[in-house]
């Protein structure tokens, strides 16, 4: 079974500073876009397993999309903040 791709998610909350997380919770970039769009539409909470640097432990993030105004998602292979898809 192939491993899920590492995706980067940039989250802009209604209040506060943006947050970027790395996760492999989605089978493809397209499935991530669909899930994130649904979370936006329904104001749902999504749980992401975080990918941490090699020497740190991985953790989880719970994101309430009722309090997020923008998300950008891009695969790990894409370098640069101007690449990716905004939702």
C-alpha atoms as a PDB file:
ATOM      1  CA  UNK A   1       0.000   0.000   0.000  1.00  0.00           C
ATOM      2  CA  UNK A   2       1.530   3.355  -0.992  1.00  0.00           C
ATOM      3  CA  UNK A   3       2.281   5.896   1.682  1.00  0.00           C
ATOM      4  CA  UNK A   4       0.213   9.087   1.792  1.00  0.00           C
ATOM      5  CA  UNK A   5       1.998  12.185   0.508  1.00  0.00           C
ATOM      6  CA  UNK A   6       3.274  14.766   2.960  1.00  0.00           C
ATOM      7  CA  UNK A   7       1.142  17.876   2.631  1.00  0.00           C
ATOM      8  CA  UNK A   8       1.652  21.316   4.093  1.00  0.00           C
ATOM      9  CA  UNK A   9      -1.402  23.178   5.365  1.00  0.00           C
ATOM     10  CA  UNK A  10      -1.263  26.914   6.012  1.00  0.00           C
ATOM     11  CA  UNK A  11      -4.166  28.004   8.232  1.00  0.00           C
ATOM     12  CA  UNK A  12      -5.245  31.609   8.809  1.00  0.00           C
ATOM     13  CA  UNK A  13      -7.502  31.876  11.876  1.00  0.00           C
ATOM     14  CA  UNK A  14     -10.113  34.604  12.295  1.00  0.00           C
ATOM     15  CA  UNK A  15      -7.928  36.043  15.073  1.00  0.00           C
ATOM     16  CA  UNK A  16      -4.251  35.406  15.625  1.00  0.00           C
ATOM     17  CA  UNK A  17      -1.250  34.386  13.600  1.00  0.00           C
ATOM     18  CA  UNK A  18      -1.213  31.886  10.710  1.00  0.00           C
ATOM     19  CA  UNK A  19      -0.103  28.340  11.429  1.00  0.00           C
ATOM     20  CA  UNK A  20       1.551  25.871   9.071  1.00  0.00           C
ATOM     21  CA  UNK A  21       1.357  22.132   9.742  1.00  0.00           C
ATOM     22  CA  UNK A  22       2.703  19.101   7.909  1.00  0.00           C
ATOM     23  CA  UNK A  23       0.533  16.004   7.697  1.00  0.00           C
ATOM     24  CA  UNK A  24       0.128  12.767   5.758  1.00  0.00           C
ATOM     25  CA  UNK A  25      -3.530  12.265   6.681  1.00  0.00           C
ATOM     26  CA  UNK A  26      -4.810  12.488   3.114  1.00  0.00           C
ATOM     27  CA  UNK A  27      -4.351   9.961   0.317  1.00  0.00           C
ATOM     28  CA  UNK A  28      -3.899  12.680  -2.322  1.00  0.00           C
ATOM     29  CA  UNK A  29      -3.779  16.451  -2.678  1.00  0.00           C
ATOM     30  CA  UNK A  30      -7.230  16.336  -4.287  1.00  0.00           C
ATOM     31  CA  UNK A  31      -8.727  14.384  -1.372  1.00  0.00           C
ATOM     32  CA  UNK A  32      -7.257  16.964   1.024  1.00  0.00           C
ATOM     33  CA  UNK A  33      -8.859  19.812  -0.941  1.00  0.00           C
ATOM     34  CA  UNK A  34     -12.238  18.045  -0.855  1.00  0.00           C
ATOM     35  CA  UNK A  35     -12.021  17.356   2.906  1.00  0.00           C
ATOM     36  CA  UNK A  36     -10.875  20.898   3.713  1.00  0.00           C
ATOM     37  CA  UNK A  37     -13.623  22.438   1.563  1.00  0.00           C
ATOM     38  CA  UNK A  38     -16.221  20.297   3.353  1.00  0.00           C
ATOM     39  CA  UNK A  39     -14.830  21.353   6.734  1.00  0.00           C
ATOM     40  CA  UNK A  40     -15.129  25.002   5.666  1.00  0.00           C
ATOM     41  CA  UNK A  41     -18.691  24.568   4.399  1.00  0.00           C
ATOM     42  CA  UNK A  42     -19.852  22.773   7.537  1.00  0.00           C
ATOM     43  CA  UNK A  43     -17.668  24.573  10.118  1.00  0.00           C
ATOM     44  CA  UNK A  44     -16.361  21.178  11.292  1.00  0.00           C
ATOM     45  CA  UNK A  45     -13.378  20.271  13.405  1.00  0.00           C
ATOM     46  CA  UNK A  46     -10.649  18.249  11.689  1.00  0.00           C
ATOM     47  CA  UNK A  47      -7.899  16.357  13.458  1.00  0.00           C
ATOM     48  CA  UNK A  48      -4.482  16.275  11.809  1.00  0.00           C
ATOM     49  CA  UNK A  49      -1.583  14.030  12.737  1.00  0.00           C
ATOM     50  CA  UNK A  50       1.444  16.293  12.590  1.00  0.00           C
ATOM     51  CA  UNK A  51       4.772  15.427  11.016  1.00  0.00           C
ATOM     52  CA  UNK A  52       7.498  16.863  13.191  1.00  0.00           C
ATOM     53  CA  UNK A  53      11.225  17.296  12.577  1.00  0.00           C
ATOM     54  CA  UNK A  54      13.253  14.099  12.944  1.00  0.00           C
ATOM     55  CA  UNK A  55      14.198  14.632  16.571  1.00  0.00           C
ATOM     56  CA  UNK A  56      10.804  15.778  17.834  1.00  0.00           C
ATOM     57  CA  UNK A  57       7.758  13.713  18.666  1.00  0.00           C
ATOM     58  CA  UNK A  58       4.775  13.882  16.375  1.00  0.00           C
ATOM     59  CA  UNK A  59       1.509  15.222  17.729  1.00  0.00           C
ATOM     60  CA  UNK A  60      -2.014  16.120  16.725  1.00  0.00           C
ATOM     61  CA  UNK A  61      -3.786  19.345  15.872  1.00  0.00           C
ATOM     62  CA  UNK A  62      -7.520  19.904  16.179  1.00  0.00           C
ATOM     63  CA  UNK A  63      -8.680  22.700  13.889  1.00  0.00           C
ATOM     64  CA  UNK A  64     -12.144  24.229  14.179  1.00  0.00           C
ATOM     65  CA  UNK A  65     -12.874  25.453  10.660  1.00  0.00           C
ATOM     66  CA  UNK A  66     -15.626  27.724  11.977  1.00  0.00           C
ATOM     67  CA  UNK A  67     -12.706  29.924  13.144  1.00  0.00           C
ATOM     68  CA  UNK A  68     -10.498  29.687  10.036  1.00  0.00           C
ATOM     69  CA  UNK A  69     -10.768  32.221   7.209  1.00  0.00           C
ATOM     70  CA  UNK A  70      -8.252  30.748   4.747  1.00  0.00           C
ATOM     71  CA  UNK A  71      -6.297  27.579   4.081  1.00  0.00           C
ATOM     72  CA  UNK A  72      -3.516  26.901   1.623  1.00  0.00           C
ATOM     73  CA  UNK A  73      -2.465  23.342   0.864  1.00  0.00           C
ATOM     74  CA  UNK A  74       0.519  22.105  -1.118  1.00  0.00           C
ATOM     75  CA  UNK A  75       2.585  18.921  -1.375  1.00  0.00           C
ATOM     76  CA  UNK A  76       5.962  18.648   0.313  1.00  0.00           C
ATOM     77  CA  UNK A  77       7.653  18.423  -3.079  1.00  0.00           C
ATOM     78  CA  UNK A  78       6.579  21.985  -3.951  1.00  0.00           C
ATOM     79  CA  UNK A  79       9.032  24.573  -2.707  1.00  0.00           C
ATOM     80  CA  UNK A  80       8.002  28.194  -2.204  1.00  0.00           C
ATOM     81  CA  UNK A  81       5.120  29.988  -0.553  1.00  0.00           C
ATOM     82  CA  UNK A  82       3.615  31.123  -3.859  1.00  0.00           C
ATOM     83  CA  UNK A  83       2.841  27.564  -4.969  1.00  0.00           C
ATOM     84  CA  UNK A  84      -0.155  25.642  -3.705  1.00  0.00           C
ATOM     85  CA  UNK A  85      -3.915  25.925  -3.641  1.00  0.00           C
ATOM     86  CA  UNK A  86      -5.849  28.409  -1.511  1.00  0.00           C
ATOM     87  CA  UNK A  87      -9.299  27.426  -0.279  1.00  0.00           C
END
